[in-house]
Structure formats: C-alpha cells, structure tokens
Amino acid sequence: MKIISTIVAIFVLFFSFLSISAFNSKREAEDWYKNSVLEKTKNKVVKINDLDEIRVNLFQLAKEYQHNK
C-alpha cells in the first residue's frame, strides 16, 4: 500500500509540474501577442480589419517560431 501511495504521489507531482509549465507557456504567449500588437499599432489609428490582419500575421509568426524551436 505504501508503494502505491508513493507512485500516486509521484504522478500527482509530475502532472502538477506539467500544468504549471503549460500555464506559464500560455501566459508567455499571451504577453508576446499583446506586446506585438501594441508594437505594431503604436501611434496609429487602428481599424477592426487591421486588427484581424495583425492577428493572422502574428499567428503565422507564432507557428513558424514553434516550428523552428
């Protein structure tokens, strides 16, 4: 019984580290996206269509970055 509880505790720790890592990656991606949008729209009048185009371009850049990583 002690061995089973030890194995379960190890799995719980492992999955908690995975979830923390995933959360940090998501937060970093959101920060990167927000900063990129702010940089591209600095001192400009922005229309909704422009934001959609920026979103598509940044999504492509993010895919390329993940592919090259």
C-alpha atoms as a PDB file:
ATOM      1  CA  MET A   1       0.000   0.000   0.000  1.00  0.00           C
ATOM      2  CA  LYS A   2       2.848   2.361   0.806  1.00  0.00           C
ATOM      3  CA  ILE A   3       4.401   1.751  -2.630  1.00  0.00           C
ATOM      4  CA  ILE A   4       1.132   2.519  -4.412  1.00  0.00           C
ATOM      5  CA  SER A   5       0.644   5.760  -2.491  1.00  0.00           C
ATOM      6  CA  THR A   6       4.249   6.760  -3.291  1.00  0.00           C
ATOM      7  CA  ILE A   7       3.690   6.092  -7.008  1.00  0.00           C
ATOM      8  CA  VAL A   8       0.437   8.081  -6.944  1.00  0.00           C
ATOM      9  CA  ALA A   9       2.193  10.975  -5.186  1.00  0.00           C
ATOM     10  CA  ILE A  10       4.934  10.982  -7.845  1.00  0.00           C
ATOM     11  CA  PHE A  11       2.335  11.076 -10.636  1.00  0.00           C
ATOM     12  CA  VAL A  12       0.465  13.915  -8.912  1.00  0.00           C
ATOM     13  CA  LEU A  13       3.669  15.942  -8.616  1.00  0.00           C
ATOM     14  CA  PHE A  14       4.592  15.218 -12.232  1.00  0.00           C
ATOM     15  CA  PHE A  15       1.207  16.331 -13.565  1.00  0.00           C
ATOM     16  CA  SER A  16       1.188  19.427 -11.370  1.00  0.00           C
ATOM     17  CA  PHE A  17       4.565  20.444 -12.820  1.00  0.00           C
ATOM     18  CA  LEU A  18       3.199  19.855 -16.318  1.00  0.00           C
ATOM     19  CA  SER A  19       0.174  22.047 -15.657  1.00  0.00           C
ATOM     20  CA  ILE A  20       2.345  24.820 -14.195  1.00  0.00           C
ATOM     21  CA  SER A  21       4.614  24.656 -17.241  1.00  0.00           C
ATOM     22  CA  ALA A  22       1.639  24.793 -19.611  1.00  0.00           C
ATOM     23  CA  PHE A  23       0.179  27.763 -17.726  1.00  0.00           C
ATOM     24  CA  ASN A  24       3.490  29.656 -17.927  1.00  0.00           C
ATOM     25  CA  SER A  25       3.777  28.922 -21.657  1.00  0.00           C
ATOM     26  CA  LYS A  26       0.241  30.193 -22.235  1.00  0.00           C
ATOM     27  CA  ARG A  27       0.917  33.351 -20.237  1.00  0.00           C
ATOM     28  CA  GLU A  28       4.164  33.978 -22.140  1.00  0.00           C
ATOM     29  CA  ALA A  29       2.347  33.523 -25.449  1.00  0.00           C
ATOM     30  CA  GLU A  30      -0.383  35.961 -24.396  1.00  0.00           C
ATOM     31  CA  ASP A  31       2.209  38.527 -23.296  1.00  0.00           C
ATOM     32  CA  TRP A  32       4.133  38.105 -26.550  1.00  0.00           C
ATOM     33  CA  TYR A  33       0.927  38.560 -28.568  1.00  0.00           C
ATOM     34  CA  LYS A  34      -0.149  41.628 -26.585  1.00  0.00           C
ATOM     35  CA  ASN A  35       3.269  43.265 -26.898  1.00  0.00           C
ATOM     36  CA  SER A  36       3.418  42.514 -30.624  1.00  0.00           C
ATOM     37  CA  VAL A  37       0.004  44.060 -31.224  1.00  0.00           C
ATOM     38  CA  LEU A  38       0.941  47.133 -29.187  1.00  0.00           C
ATOM     39  CA  GLU A  39       4.203  47.485 -31.109  1.00  0.00           C
ATOM     40  CA  LYS A  40       2.502  47.194 -34.499  1.00  0.00           C
ATOM     41  CA  THR A  41      -0.283  49.634 -33.596  1.00  0.00           C
ATOM     42  CA  LYS A  42       1.781  52.245 -31.753  1.00  0.00           C
ATOM     43  CA  ASN A  43       0.802  55.815 -32.724  1.00  0.00           C
ATOM     44  CA  LYS A  44      -1.679  54.620 -35.364  1.00  0.00           C
ATOM     45  CA  VAL A  45      -5.419  54.773 -35.815  1.00  0.00           C
ATOM     46  CA  VAL A  46      -6.437  51.140 -35.922  1.00  0.00           C
ATOM     47  CA  LYS A  47      -9.482  49.682 -37.640  1.00  0.00           C
ATOM     48  CA  ILE A  48     -11.064  46.333 -36.827  1.00  0.00           C
ATOM     49  CA  ASN A  49      -9.929  44.895 -40.168  1.00  0.00           C
ATOM     50  CA  ASP A  50      -6.361  45.937 -39.378  1.00  0.00           C
ATOM     51  CA  LEU A  51      -6.501  44.106 -36.051  1.00  0.00           C
ATOM     52  CA  ASP A  52      -7.707  40.959 -37.791  1.00  0.00           C
ATOM     53  CA  GLU A  53      -4.841  41.183 -40.287  1.00  0.00           C
ATOM     54  CA  ILE A  54      -2.348  41.720 -37.458  1.00  0.00           C
ATOM     55  CA  ARG A  55      -3.800  38.722 -35.611  1.00  0.00           C
ATOM     56  CA  VAL A  56      -3.402  36.492 -38.681  1.00  0.00           C
ATOM     57  CA  ASN A  57       0.176  37.668 -39.267  1.00  0.00           C
ATOM     58  CA  LEU A  58       1.141  37.140 -35.637  1.00  0.00           C
ATOM     59  CA  PHE A  59      -0.462  33.696 -35.649  1.00  0.00           C
ATOM     60  CA  GLN A  60       1.679  32.753 -38.666  1.00  0.00           C
ATOM     61  CA  LEU A  61       4.807  34.098 -36.947  1.00  0.00           C
ATOM     62  CA  ALA A  62       3.985  32.121 -33.802  1.00  0.00           C
ATOM     63  CA  LYS A  63       3.529  28.926 -35.834  1.00  0.00           C
ATOM     64  CA  GLU A  64       6.881  29.491 -37.563  1.00  0.00           C
ATOM     65  CA  TYR A  65       8.548  30.185 -34.220  1.00  0.00           C
ATOM     66  CA  GLN A  66       7.161  26.994 -32.677  1.00  0.00           C
ATOM     67  CA  HIS A  67       8.183  25.013 -35.768  1.00  0.00           C
ATOM     68  CA  ASN A  68      11.756  26.366 -35.656  1.00  0.00           C
ATOM     69  CA  LYS A  69      12.083  25.960 -31.883  1.00  0.00           C
END
